N, C-alpha and C. Protein backbone atom coordinates (compact mmCIF):
# COMPACT_ATOMS: atom_id res chain seq x y z
N UNK A 1 -9.24 -13.27 -18.94
CA UNK A 1 -9.13 -12.03 -19.93
C UNK A 1 -8.24 -10.99 -18.90
N UNK A 2 -9.42 -10.68 -17.74
CA UNK A 2 -9.15 -9.58 -17.15
C UNK A 2 -7.98 -10.20 -15.92
N UNK A 3 -7.75 -11.52 -15.69
CA UNK A 3 -6.39 -12.00 -14.65
C UNK A 3 -5.43 -11.47 -15.45
N UNK A 4 -5.45 -11.96 -16.69
CA UNK A 4 -4.04 -11.73 -17.34
C UNK A 4 -3.84 -10.33 -17.62
N UNK A 5 -4.90 -9.57 -18.14
CA UNK A 5 -4.23 -8.36 -18.03
C UNK A 5 -3.67 -7.27 -16.71
N UNK A 6 -4.16 -8.25 -15.17
CA UNK A 6 -3.74 -8.01 -14.19
C UNK A 6 -2.36 -8.09 -14.34
N UNK A 7 -2.29 -9.08 -14.70
CA UNK A 7 -0.96 -10.07 -14.48
C UNK A 7 0.26 -8.94 -15.54
N UNK A 8 -0.45 -8.66 -16.22
CA UNK A 8 0.86 -8.05 -17.26
C UNK A 8 0.87 -6.56 -16.68
N UNK A 9 -0.18 -6.12 -15.93
CA UNK A 9 0.29 -4.65 -15.58
C UNK A 9 1.41 -4.70 -14.51
N UNK A 10 0.86 -6.21 -13.41
CA UNK A 10 1.83 -6.00 -12.46
C UNK A 10 3.34 -6.09 -12.66
N UNK A 11 3.54 -7.29 -13.82
CA UNK A 11 4.89 -7.10 -14.21
C UNK A 11 5.44 -5.91 -15.13
N UNK A 12 4.70 -5.33 -15.62
CA UNK A 12 5.35 -4.02 -16.03
C UNK A 12 5.59 -3.11 -14.96
N UNK A 13 5.09 -2.98 -14.28
CA UNK A 13 5.45 -1.67 -12.97
C UNK A 13 6.33 -2.36 -12.72
N UNK A 14 6.61 -3.54 -12.19
CA UNK A 14 7.97 -4.00 -11.30
C UNK A 14 9.23 -3.95 -12.35
N UNK A 15 8.82 -4.23 -13.58
CA UNK A 15 10.13 -3.90 -14.62
C UNK A 15 10.17 -2.58 -14.88
N UNK A 16 9.52 -1.92 -15.17
CA UNK A 16 9.81 -0.36 -15.72
C UNK A 16 10.02 0.20 -14.41
N UNK A 17 9.67 0.16 -13.36
CA UNK A 17 10.23 0.66 -11.60
C UNK A 17 12.21 0.29 -11.49
N UNK A 18 12.14 -0.95 -11.67
CA UNK A 18 13.20 -1.54 -11.34
C UNK A 18 14.21 -0.81 -12.47
N UNK A 19 14.05 -0.88 -13.56
CA UNK A 19 14.93 -0.42 -14.70
C UNK A 19 15.13 1.26 -14.56
N UNK A 20 14.23 2.29 -14.57
CA UNK A 20 14.37 3.51 -14.43
C UNK A 20 15.00 3.64 -12.90
N UNK A 21 14.90 3.47 -11.71
CA UNK A 21 15.74 3.04 -10.30
C UNK A 21 16.87 3.14 -10.54
N UNK A 22 17.26 2.28 -11.56
CA UNK A 22 18.79 1.57 -11.58
C UNK A 22 19.59 3.00 -12.69
N UNK A 23 19.04 3.06 -13.51
CA UNK A 23 19.70 4.05 -14.43
C UNK A 23 19.34 5.32 -13.71
N UNK A 24 18.66 6.10 -13.10
CA UNK A 24 18.57 7.38 -12.43
C UNK A 24 19.31 7.42 -11.59
N UNK A 25 19.52 6.45 -10.62
CA UNK A 25 20.58 6.36 -9.61
C UNK A 25 22.49 6.19 -10.14
N UNK A 26 22.31 5.60 -10.99
CA UNK A 26 23.48 6.41 -11.65
C UNK A 26 24.02 7.57 -12.17
N UNK A 27 22.70 8.11 -12.82
CA UNK A 27 22.84 9.54 -13.55
C UNK A 27 22.45 10.53 -12.42
N UNK A 28 21.86 10.39 -11.30
CA UNK A 28 21.56 11.57 -10.33
C UNK A 28 21.61 11.19 -9.09
N UNK A 29 22.74 11.80 -8.58
CA UNK A 29 23.05 11.15 -7.07
C UNK A 29 22.50 11.87 -6.40
N UNK A 30 21.32 12.94 -6.38
CA UNK A 30 20.43 13.59 -5.38
C UNK A 30 19.29 12.93 -5.18
N UNK A 31 19.14 11.93 -5.84
CA UNK A 31 17.92 11.01 -5.75
C UNK A 31 17.91 10.52 -4.12
N UNK A 32 16.63 10.55 -3.39
CA UNK A 32 16.50 9.49 -2.63
C UNK A 32 17.30 8.12 -2.40
N UNK A 33 17.97 7.99 -1.33
CA UNK A 33 18.71 6.66 -1.23
C UNK A 33 18.26 5.75 -0.15
N UNK A 34 16.71 6.03 -0.19
CA UNK A 34 16.03 4.93 0.72
C UNK A 34 15.58 5.37 2.21
N UNK A 35 15.86 6.94 2.65
CA UNK A 35 15.31 7.38 3.58
C UNK A 35 13.52 7.04 3.75
N UNK A 36 13.06 6.99 4.71
CA UNK A 36 11.67 6.79 4.86
C UNK A 36 10.49 7.68 4.36
N UNK A 37 10.93 8.79 4.03
CA UNK A 37 9.96 9.53 3.31
C UNK A 37 11.32 10.40 1.88
N UNK A 38 11.70 11.37 2.01
CA UNK A 38 12.62 11.90 1.56
C UNK A 38 12.14 12.66 0.39
N UNK A 39 10.99 13.44 0.71
CA UNK A 39 10.45 13.96 -0.09
C UNK A 39 9.99 15.65 0.30
N UNK A 40 9.86 16.40 -0.47
CA UNK A 40 9.92 18.04 -0.30
C UNK A 40 8.46 18.47 -0.51
N UNK A 41 8.06 19.58 0.19
CA UNK A 41 6.66 19.79 -0.19
C UNK A 41 6.53 20.49 -1.58
N UNK A 42 5.22 20.60 -1.44
CA UNK A 42 4.57 21.38 -2.81
C UNK A 42 5.27 20.55 -4.00
N UNK A 43 5.01 19.10 -4.20
CA UNK A 43 5.19 18.65 -5.43
C UNK A 43 3.94 18.63 -5.99
N UNK A 44 4.05 18.34 -7.36
CA UNK A 44 2.67 18.19 -8.21
C UNK A 44 2.20 16.97 -8.01
N UNK A 45 2.83 15.87 -7.44
CA UNK A 45 1.91 14.48 -7.03
C UNK A 45 1.39 14.91 -5.78
N UNK A 46 1.35 15.85 -4.75
CA UNK A 46 1.00 15.87 -3.76
C UNK A 46 -0.61 16.04 -3.89
N UNK A 47 -1.29 16.01 -2.50
CA UNK A 47 -2.50 15.68 -2.47
C UNK A 47 -3.27 15.05 -1.93
N UNK A 48 -4.78 14.84 -2.28
CA UNK A 48 -5.51 13.59 -1.75
C UNK A 48 -6.22 12.99 -2.58
N UNK A 49 -6.20 11.73 -3.02
CA UNK A 49 -6.68 11.17 -3.76
C UNK A 49 -7.97 9.94 -3.89
N UNK A 50 -8.82 9.47 -3.92
CA UNK A 50 -9.45 8.60 -3.84
C UNK A 50 -8.87 7.38 -4.77
N UNK A 51 -8.86 6.23 -4.09
CA UNK A 51 -8.16 4.70 -4.54
C UNK A 51 -9.06 3.72 -4.59
N UNK A 52 -9.08 2.82 -5.19
CA UNK A 52 -10.06 1.55 -5.54
C UNK A 52 -8.37 0.56 -5.20
N UNK A 53 -8.81 -0.42 -4.20
CA UNK A 53 -7.94 -1.43 -3.81
C UNK A 53 -8.16 -2.76 -4.74
N UNK A 54 -7.32 -3.48 -5.60
CA UNK A 54 -7.80 -4.89 -6.16
C UNK A 54 -6.58 -5.71 -5.83
N UNK A 55 -7.25 -6.95 -5.67
CA UNK A 55 -6.80 -8.17 -6.18
C UNK A 55 -7.09 -9.00 -7.35
N UNK A 56 -6.42 -9.73 -8.14
CA UNK A 56 -6.48 -10.37 -9.55
C UNK A 56 -7.69 -9.78 -9.98
N UNK A 57 -7.21 -8.34 -10.13
CA UNK A 57 -8.68 -7.45 -10.92
C UNK A 57 -9.93 -7.30 -10.81
N UNK A 58 -9.92 -7.56 -9.35
CA UNK A 58 -11.26 -7.22 -8.87
C UNK A 58 -11.20 -6.01 -7.93
N UNK A 59 -11.80 -5.20 -7.46
CA UNK A 59 -11.87 -4.19 -6.71
C UNK A 59 -12.38 -4.85 -5.46
N UNK A 60 -11.43 -4.65 -4.23
CA UNK A 60 -11.73 -5.30 -3.25
C UNK A 60 -12.12 -4.16 -1.89
N UNK A 61 -12.11 -2.89 -2.24
CA UNK A 61 -12.28 -1.37 -1.22
C UNK A 61 -11.82 -0.35 -1.84
N UNK A 62 -12.01 0.56 -1.28
CA UNK A 62 -11.37 1.89 -1.82
C UNK A 62 -11.22 2.81 -0.40
N UNK A 63 -10.50 3.83 -0.68
CA UNK A 63 -9.90 4.63 0.40
C UNK A 63 -9.40 5.85 0.19
N UNK A 64 -8.98 6.74 0.88
CA UNK A 64 -8.08 7.69 0.25
C UNK A 64 -6.30 7.65 0.62
N UNK A 65 -5.60 8.39 -0.59
CA UNK A 65 -4.41 8.07 -0.43
C UNK A 65 -3.84 9.60 0.09
N UNK A 66 -2.94 10.32 1.13
CA UNK A 66 -3.02 11.45 0.88
C UNK A 66 -1.47 11.66 0.90
N UNK A 67 -1.31 12.53 0.14
CA UNK A 67 0.17 12.75 -0.51
C UNK A 67 0.90 14.04 0.38
N UNK A 68 1.77 14.52 0.96
CA UNK A 68 2.61 15.78 1.50
C UNK A 68 3.68 15.65 2.08
N UNK A 69 5.03 15.37 1.49
CA UNK A 69 6.12 14.82 1.88
C UNK A 69 5.99 13.50 2.59
N UNK A 70 5.10 12.64 2.44
CA UNK A 70 5.18 11.30 2.63
C UNK A 70 3.89 10.96 2.05
N UNK A 71 3.51 9.81 2.01
CA UNK A 71 2.23 8.95 1.76
C UNK A 71 1.69 8.47 3.04
N UNK A 72 0.09 8.45 2.86
CA UNK A 72 -0.50 7.92 4.22
C UNK A 72 -1.75 6.96 2.91
N UNK A 73 -2.26 5.96 3.82
CA UNK A 73 -3.47 5.25 3.12
C UNK A 73 -4.20 5.42 4.45
N UNK A 74 -5.63 5.96 4.01
CA UNK A 74 -6.53 6.28 5.27
C UNK A 74 -6.87 4.85 5.78
N UNK A 75 -6.88 3.76 4.89
CA UNK A 75 -7.68 2.63 5.03
C UNK A 75 -7.01 1.45 4.51
N UNK A 76 -6.55 0.33 4.82
CA UNK A 76 -6.63 -0.98 3.82
C UNK A 76 -7.93 -1.32 3.43
N UNK A 77 -8.14 -2.70 2.82
CA UNK A 77 -9.40 -2.97 2.46
C UNK A 77 -9.70 -4.27 3.51
N UNK A 78 -10.19 -3.80 4.32
CA UNK A 78 -10.27 -4.57 5.67
C UNK A 78 -11.18 -5.53 5.52
N UNK A 79 -12.22 -5.27 4.57
CA UNK A 79 -13.45 -6.29 4.32
C UNK A 79 -13.02 -7.76 3.71
N UNK A 80 -12.04 -7.54 2.67
CA UNK A 80 -11.57 -8.66 2.13
C UNK A 80 -10.21 -8.84 3.14
N UNK A 81 -9.78 -8.25 3.23
CA UNK A 81 -8.44 -8.52 4.33
C UNK A 81 -8.74 -9.38 5.67
N UNK A 82 -10.29 -9.23 6.13
CA UNK A 82 -10.77 -10.03 7.30
C UNK A 82 -11.04 -11.24 6.76
N UNK A 83 -11.88 -11.48 5.79
CA UNK A 83 -12.21 -12.50 4.84
C UNK A 83 -10.99 -13.44 4.80
N UNK A 84 -9.85 -12.86 4.58
CA UNK A 84 -8.81 -13.43 4.01
C UNK A 84 -8.59 -13.95 5.32
N UNK A 85 -8.06 -13.47 6.52
CA UNK A 85 -7.23 -13.77 7.59
C UNK A 85 -8.37 -14.95 8.95
N UNK A 86 -9.34 -14.12 8.64
CA UNK A 86 -10.47 -15.30 9.67
C UNK A 86 -11.74 -15.96 8.52
N UNK A 87 -11.35 -16.82 7.85
CA UNK A 87 -12.31 -17.50 6.79
C UNK A 87 -13.74 -18.07 7.50
N UNK A 88 -13.39 -18.42 8.69
CA UNK A 88 -14.54 -19.30 9.31
C UNK A 88 -14.93 -18.42 10.50
N UNK A 89 -14.60 -17.31 10.98
CA UNK A 89 -15.17 -16.47 11.71
C UNK A 89 -16.51 -16.07 11.39
N UNK A 90 -17.71 -15.91 12.82
CA UNK A 90 -18.52 -15.60 12.70
C UNK A 90 -18.83 -13.99 12.74
N UNK A 91 -18.43 -13.11 13.20
CA UNK A 91 -17.81 -12.19 13.71
C UNK A 91 -16.68 -11.30 13.49
N UNK A 92 -16.27 -10.49 12.67
CA UNK A 92 -15.06 -9.77 13.11
C UNK A 92 -15.37 -8.27 13.07
N UNK A 93 -15.10 -7.23 13.90
CA UNK A 93 -15.48 -6.06 14.60
C UNK A 93 -14.37 -5.28 15.26
N UNK A 94 -14.30 -4.17 15.07
CA UNK A 94 -13.73 -3.40 16.13
C UNK A 94 -13.70 -3.20 17.32
N UNK A 95 -12.61 -3.55 17.99
CA UNK A 95 -13.04 -2.94 19.45
C UNK A 95 -13.32 -1.77 19.65
N UNK A 96 -14.04 -1.46 20.74
CA UNK A 96 -14.82 -0.65 21.53
C UNK A 96 -13.99 1.06 21.43
N UNK A 97 -12.58 0.05 22.04
CA UNK A 97 -11.82 1.62 22.09
C UNK A 97 -10.87 2.13 20.97
N UNK A 98 -11.14 1.43 19.54
CA UNK A 98 -10.56 2.02 18.67
C UNK A 98 -11.60 2.61 17.63
N UNK A 99 -11.51 4.15 17.53
CA UNK A 99 -12.31 4.80 17.20
C UNK A 99 -12.50 4.76 15.98
N UNK A 100 -11.10 4.20 14.98
CA UNK A 100 -11.50 3.86 13.21
C UNK A 100 -9.73 3.48 13.48
N UNK A 101 -10.09 2.43 12.00
CA UNK A 101 -8.54 1.52 11.82
C UNK A 101 -7.17 2.25 11.63
N UNK A 102 -6.31 1.82 12.06
CA UNK A 102 -5.22 2.76 11.59
C UNK A 102 -5.03 3.18 10.54
N UNK A 103 -4.34 4.23 10.33
CA UNK A 103 -3.54 5.01 8.79
C UNK A 103 -2.08 3.59 8.37
N UNK A 104 -2.18 3.58 7.60
CA UNK A 104 -1.42 3.05 6.87
C UNK A 104 -0.18 3.70 6.24
N UNK A 105 0.89 4.45 6.94
CA UNK A 105 2.24 5.25 6.36
C UNK A 105 2.92 4.42 5.62
N UNK A 106 2.47 4.22 4.14
CA UNK A 106 3.47 4.15 3.19
C UNK A 106 4.94 4.47 3.23
N UNK A 107 5.35 5.05 3.43
CA UNK A 107 6.73 5.86 3.88
C UNK A 107 7.55 5.60 2.42
N UNK A 108 7.14 6.10 1.63
CA UNK A 108 7.61 6.50 0.06
C UNK A 108 9.22 7.23 -0.06
N UNK A 109 9.64 6.68 -0.76
CA UNK A 109 10.79 7.26 -1.40
C UNK A 109 11.29 7.06 -2.62
N UNK A 110 11.44 8.38 -3.12
CA UNK A 110 11.56 8.72 -4.78
C UNK A 110 13.19 7.75 -5.42
N UNK A 111 12.57 7.04 -6.32
CA UNK A 111 13.74 6.36 -6.78
C UNK A 111 14.17 6.72 -8.56
N UNK A 112 13.45 7.32 -8.99
CA UNK A 112 13.42 7.66 -10.32
C UNK A 112 12.50 8.34 -10.70
N UNK A 113 12.72 8.84 -12.00
CA UNK A 113 11.61 9.53 -12.61
C UNK A 113 11.87 9.90 -14.36
N UNK A 114 10.69 10.21 -15.36
CA UNK A 114 10.74 10.48 -16.49
C UNK A 114 9.90 11.62 -16.80
N UNK A 115 9.87 12.55 -17.71
CA UNK A 115 9.08 13.00 -18.31
C UNK A 115 7.88 13.71 -17.96
N UNK A 116 6.79 12.06 -18.05
CA UNK A 116 5.98 11.89 -17.35
C UNK A 116 5.89 11.28 -16.08
N UNK A 117 6.79 10.39 -15.72
CA UNK A 117 6.19 9.89 -14.42
C UNK A 117 7.28 9.59 -13.32
N UNK A 118 6.73 9.60 -12.32
CA UNK A 118 7.70 9.50 -10.91
C UNK A 118 7.56 8.22 -10.32
N UNK A 119 8.95 7.25 -9.96
CA UNK A 119 8.74 6.36 -9.76
C UNK A 119 9.32 6.01 -7.88
N UNK A 120 8.15 5.56 -7.34
CA UNK A 120 8.60 5.59 -5.60
C UNK A 120 8.65 3.82 -5.68
N UNK A 121 9.70 3.46 -4.26
CA UNK A 121 9.51 2.49 -3.30
C UNK A 121 8.98 2.71 -2.10
N UNK A 122 8.10 1.95 -1.54
CA UNK A 122 7.61 1.42 -0.47
C UNK A 122 7.90 1.04 0.61
N UNK A 123 8.26 2.03 1.61
CA UNK A 123 9.35 1.23 2.51
C UNK A 123 8.53 0.74 3.80
N UNK A 124 7.20 1.07 3.88
CA UNK A 124 6.52 0.81 5.00
C UNK A 124 5.67 -0.42 5.01
N UNK A 125 6.47 -1.50 5.00
CA UNK A 125 6.24 -2.80 4.71
C UNK A 125 5.58 -3.63 5.48
N UNK A 126 4.94 -3.08 6.75
CA UNK A 126 4.14 -3.39 7.67
C UNK A 126 3.30 -2.78 8.20
N UNK A 127 1.71 -3.49 8.60
CA UNK A 127 0.48 -2.76 9.05
C UNK A 127 -0.14 -3.73 10.14
N UNK A 128 0.00 -3.05 11.29
CA UNK A 128 -0.47 -3.63 12.43
C UNK A 128 -1.63 -3.07 12.65
N UNK A 129 -2.76 -4.13 13.07
CA UNK A 129 -4.51 -4.09 13.45
C UNK A 129 -4.87 -5.05 14.36
N UNK A 130 -5.70 -4.11 14.96
CA UNK A 130 -6.29 -5.05 16.35
C UNK A 130 -8.08 -5.29 16.02
N UNK A 131 -8.23 -6.53 16.54
CA UNK A 131 -9.89 -6.58 15.82
C UNK A 131 -10.48 -7.89 16.96
N UNK A 132 -11.56 -7.70 16.81
CA UNK A 132 -12.47 -8.85 17.78
C UNK A 132 -12.94 -9.59 16.86
N UNK A 133 -12.57 -10.86 17.21
CA UNK A 133 -12.88 -12.12 16.27
C UNK A 133 -13.68 -12.98 16.84
N UNK A 134 -15.38 -13.01 16.99
CA UNK A 134 -15.66 -14.23 17.62
C UNK A 134 -15.14 -14.00 19.10
N UNK A 135 -15.57 -12.74 19.38
CA UNK A 135 -15.66 -12.61 20.91
C UNK A 135 -13.73 -12.32 21.54
N UNK A 136 -13.19 -12.86 20.78
CA UNK A 136 -11.51 -12.74 21.23
C UNK A 136 -11.04 -11.91 20.64
N UNK A 137 -9.67 -10.98 21.46
CA UNK A 137 -9.27 -9.55 20.93
C UNK A 137 -7.98 -10.07 19.92
N UNK A 138 -7.45 -9.99 19.08
CA UNK A 138 -6.70 -10.81 18.00
C UNK A 138 -5.64 -9.39 17.47
N UNK A 139 -4.77 -9.60 17.34
CA UNK A 139 -3.74 -8.67 16.53
C UNK A 139 -2.98 -9.14 15.43
N UNK A 140 -3.23 -8.52 14.10
CA UNK A 140 -2.47 -9.53 13.47
C UNK A 140 -1.68 -8.11 12.59
N UNK A 141 -0.36 -8.92 11.92
CA UNK A 141 0.30 -8.11 11.16
C UNK A 141 0.66 -8.33 9.53
N UNK A 142 0.19 -7.55 9.30
CA UNK A 142 0.30 -7.61 7.16
C UNK A 142 1.56 -7.33 6.89
N UNK A 143 2.18 -8.28 6.31
CA UNK A 143 3.91 -8.03 6.02
C UNK A 143 3.79 -7.99 4.22
N UNK A 144 4.24 -6.52 3.97
CA UNK A 144 4.17 -6.71 2.35
C UNK A 144 5.87 -6.72 1.74
N UNK A 145 6.00 -7.54 0.53
CA UNK A 145 7.21 -7.67 0.32
C UNK A 145 7.92 -6.20 0.24
N UNK A 146 9.21 -6.66 0.76
CA UNK A 146 10.24 -5.60 0.62
C UNK A 146 10.70 -5.05 -0.78
N UNK A 147 10.76 -6.16 -1.39
CA UNK A 147 11.64 -5.88 -2.85
C UNK A 147 10.54 -5.14 -3.80
N UNK A 148 9.37 -5.76 -3.55
CA UNK A 148 8.64 -5.41 -4.74
C UNK A 148 7.41 -4.26 -4.60
N UNK A 149 7.46 -3.67 -3.34
CA UNK A 149 6.12 -3.11 -3.22
C UNK A 149 6.82 -1.66 -3.69
N UNK A 150 5.74 -0.96 -5.00
CA UNK A 150 6.30 0.35 -5.33
C UNK A 150 5.33 0.83 -5.90
N UNK A 151 5.03 2.40 -6.25
CA UNK A 151 4.18 3.20 -6.26
C UNK A 151 4.70 4.17 -7.66
N UNK A 152 3.62 4.59 -8.30
CA UNK A 152 4.20 5.15 -9.74
C UNK A 152 3.40 6.63 -9.55
N UNK A 153 3.36 7.47 -9.89
CA UNK A 153 2.87 8.86 -10.01
C UNK A 153 2.61 8.96 -11.59
N UNK A 154 1.47 9.05 -12.34
CA UNK A 154 1.57 9.50 -13.58
C UNK A 154 1.35 11.20 -13.70
N UNK A 155 2.22 11.59 -14.63
CA UNK A 155 1.90 13.13 -14.42
C UNK A 155 0.76 13.40 -15.37
N UNK A 156 0.72 12.79 -16.61
CA UNK A 156 -0.03 13.13 -17.82
C UNK A 156 -2.03 12.68 -17.17
N UNK A 157 -1.68 11.48 -15.93
CA UNK A 157 -3.21 11.66 -15.40
C UNK A 157 -3.77 12.24 -14.50
N UNK A 158 -2.52 12.55 -13.09
CA UNK A 158 -2.66 13.14 -12.23
C UNK A 158 -2.71 12.29 -11.65
N UNK A 159 -2.64 11.01 -11.42
CA UNK A 159 -3.05 9.73 -11.09
C UNK A 159 -2.20 9.09 -9.97
N UNK A 160 -2.10 8.30 -9.46
CA UNK A 160 -1.39 7.02 -8.43
C UNK A 160 -1.54 5.57 -9.01
N UNK A 161 -0.29 4.74 -9.14
CA UNK A 161 -0.71 3.33 -8.97
C UNK A 161 0.49 2.50 -7.89
N UNK A 162 0.03 1.64 -7.61
CA UNK A 162 0.91 1.08 -6.56
C UNK A 162 0.51 -0.19 -6.49
N UNK A 163 1.88 -0.99 -6.16
CA UNK A 163 1.76 -2.52 -5.88
C UNK A 163 2.34 -2.96 -4.76
N UNK A 164 1.63 -3.66 -3.91
CA UNK A 164 2.01 -4.05 -2.29
C UNK A 164 1.76 -5.16 -2.32
N UNK A 165 2.72 -6.32 -2.73
CA UNK A 165 2.41 -7.79 -2.88
C UNK A 165 2.09 -7.83 -1.25
N UNK A 166 1.51 -9.18 -0.89
CA UNK A 166 1.40 -9.65 0.83
C UNK A 166 2.23 -10.53 0.70
N UNK A 167 3.60 -11.03 1.50
CA UNK A 167 3.61 -12.06 1.48
C UNK A 167 3.31 -13.00 2.71
N UNK A 168 3.11 -12.14 4.06
CA UNK A 168 2.39 -13.57 5.05
C UNK A 168 1.77 -12.36 6.09
N UNK A 169 1.22 -13.07 6.83
CA UNK A 169 0.25 -12.42 7.89
C UNK A 169 0.14 -13.28 9.23
N UNK A 170 0.47 -12.58 10.43
CA UNK A 170 0.95 -13.11 11.52
C UNK A 170 -0.20 -12.90 12.37
N UNK A 171 -0.94 -13.59 13.27
CA UNK A 171 -2.20 -13.32 13.99
C UNK A 171 -1.67 -13.97 15.36
N UNK A 172 -1.94 -12.70 16.15
CA UNK A 172 -1.81 -12.94 17.77
C UNK A 172 -2.99 -12.65 18.59
N UNK A 173 -3.28 -13.57 19.45
CA UNK A 173 -4.13 -13.78 20.17
C UNK A 173 -3.86 -13.41 21.62
N UNK A 174 -4.79 -12.17 21.59
CA UNK A 174 -3.94 -10.99 22.66
C UNK A 174 -4.49 -11.85 24.16
N UNK A 175 -5.58 -12.61 24.51
CA UNK A 175 -6.27 -13.39 25.59
C UNK A 175 -4.99 -14.38 25.83
N UNK A 176 -4.95 -15.17 24.92
CA UNK A 176 -4.07 -16.10 25.09
C UNK A 176 -2.35 -16.25 25.40
N UNK A 177 -2.06 -14.84 24.73
CA UNK A 177 -0.67 -14.13 25.03
C UNK A 177 0.05 -15.26 23.58
N UNK A 178 -0.62 -15.41 22.94
CA UNK A 178 0.21 -16.27 21.70
C UNK A 178 0.20 -16.44 20.36
N UNK A 179 1.22 -16.50 19.38
CA UNK A 179 0.83 -16.51 17.88
C UNK A 179 0.18 -18.12 17.64
N UNK A 180 -1.11 -17.62 17.07
CA UNK A 180 -2.09 -18.93 16.69
C UNK A 180 -1.90 -19.17 15.02
N UNK A 181 -1.23 -18.11 14.45
CA UNK A 181 -1.57 -18.42 13.27
C UNK A 181 -0.77 -17.29 12.12
N UNK A 182 0.24 -18.13 11.18
CA UNK A 182 1.33 -17.57 10.23
C UNK A 182 0.58 -17.80 8.80
N UNK A 183 0.05 -16.90 8.44
CA UNK A 183 -0.47 -17.36 6.86
C UNK A 183 0.72 -17.18 5.98
N UNK A 184 1.61 -17.77 5.26
CA UNK A 184 2.66 -17.03 4.22
C UNK A 184 1.83 -17.70 2.78
N UNK A 185 1.94 -16.79 2.03
CA UNK A 185 1.84 -16.79 0.64
C UNK A 185 2.48 -16.65 -0.33
N UNK A 186 2.80 -18.14 -1.03
CA UNK A 186 3.44 -18.45 -2.23
C UNK A 186 2.61 -18.63 -3.55
N UNK A 187 2.76 -17.90 -4.54
CA UNK A 187 3.43 -16.61 -4.76
C UNK A 187 2.60 -15.51 -3.42
N UNK A 188 3.48 -14.35 -3.73
CA UNK A 188 2.69 -13.34 -2.74
C UNK A 188 1.28 -13.08 -3.26
N UNK A 189 0.27 -12.63 -2.21
CA UNK A 189 -0.61 -12.05 -2.96
C UNK A 189 -0.31 -10.49 -3.75
N UNK A 190 -0.83 -10.18 -4.90
CA UNK A 190 -0.70 -9.28 -5.51
C UNK A 190 -1.56 -8.01 -5.10
N UNK A 191 -1.59 -7.09 -4.19
CA UNK A 191 -2.90 -6.16 -3.43
C UNK A 191 -2.20 -5.18 -4.41
N UNK A 192 -2.78 -4.19 -4.75
CA UNK A 192 -2.81 -3.24 -5.56
C UNK A 192 -3.71 -2.06 -5.35
N UNK A 193 -3.34 -0.79 -5.78
CA UNK A 193 -4.59 0.25 -6.07
C UNK A 193 -4.47 1.43 -7.03
N UNK A 194 -5.21 1.83 -7.77
CA UNK A 194 -5.44 2.44 -8.28
C UNK A 194 -6.26 3.76 -7.87
N UNK A 195 -5.88 5.46 -8.40
CA UNK A 195 -6.31 6.28 -7.69
C UNK A 195 -7.84 6.71 -9.13
N UNK A 196 -8.94 6.69 -8.75
CA UNK A 196 -9.94 7.35 -9.49
C UNK A 196 -9.69 8.71 -9.80
N UNK A 197 -9.87 9.46 -8.91
CA UNK A 197 -9.89 11.33 -8.82
C UNK A 197 -8.93 11.83 -7.74
N UNK A 198 -8.46 12.85 -8.27
CA UNK A 198 -8.10 13.90 -7.19
C UNK A 198 -8.94 14.82 -6.19
N UNK A 199 -8.75 14.36 -5.25
CA UNK A 199 -10.06 14.98 -3.97
C UNK A 199 -9.75 16.15 -3.11
N UNK A 200 -8.71 16.56 -3.40
CA UNK A 200 -8.10 18.02 -2.83
C UNK A 200 -6.67 18.32 -3.54
N UNK A 201 -6.53 19.41 -3.57
CA UNK A 201 -5.49 19.86 -4.74
C UNK A 201 -4.26 19.84 -3.34
N UNK A 202 -3.27 19.80 -4.08
CA UNK A 202 -1.97 20.09 -2.90
C UNK A 202 -1.68 21.42 -1.85
N UNK A 203 -1.17 21.32 -1.40
CA UNK A 203 -0.79 22.47 -0.27
C UNK A 203 0.28 23.63 -0.95
N UNK A 204 -0.47 24.90 -1.25
CA UNK A 204 0.14 25.48 -1.95
C UNK A 204 1.29 25.89 -0.98
N UNK A 205 1.03 26.07 0.50
CA UNK A 205 2.14 26.65 1.46
C UNK A 205 1.69 27.94 2.00
N UNK A 206 0.83 28.39 0.97
CA UNK A 206 0.48 29.71 1.43
C UNK A 206 -0.22 30.01 2.94
């Protein structure tokens, strides 16, 4: 039942966002047309939000979403991600030279809105990270869907949702200097997140 509800939610997000985007672009020529950010400051959706990462209706990690003339997620669900990429590894850890994992720049673009909702496409459809896997330095790149990566802000709930399907993951061995694996997912893995609360108010600009 939980998986069916999740699938329905994903389909609804995609269908509604596509419909709103097409209609609003025809009616409002001032909507952002695919630039990397295209957002002005002091929006009601600005601020910092706690989020839960989800796959198939299950929470697989948590992080923070920061929105201010753009959007950044401070951390992907790395525990789940590393198990997916390196299922047989005995140890996956961060290199000593990495203070913390790289932030994922979502690079959202406003594509439509209604009375209680704002709709965005996500232009940041790649994320690169380096890890140590059983003593070897590995560099991997996560490729999100370019067509179906969307985010929605709900005004009534002051909350964000997003879906960022993973199409493939490329793994590069830094020691051997070669690509050692390319994982392709058909269908794409429906990685998504929902915000649970606002942790910081928007910047008033004062």
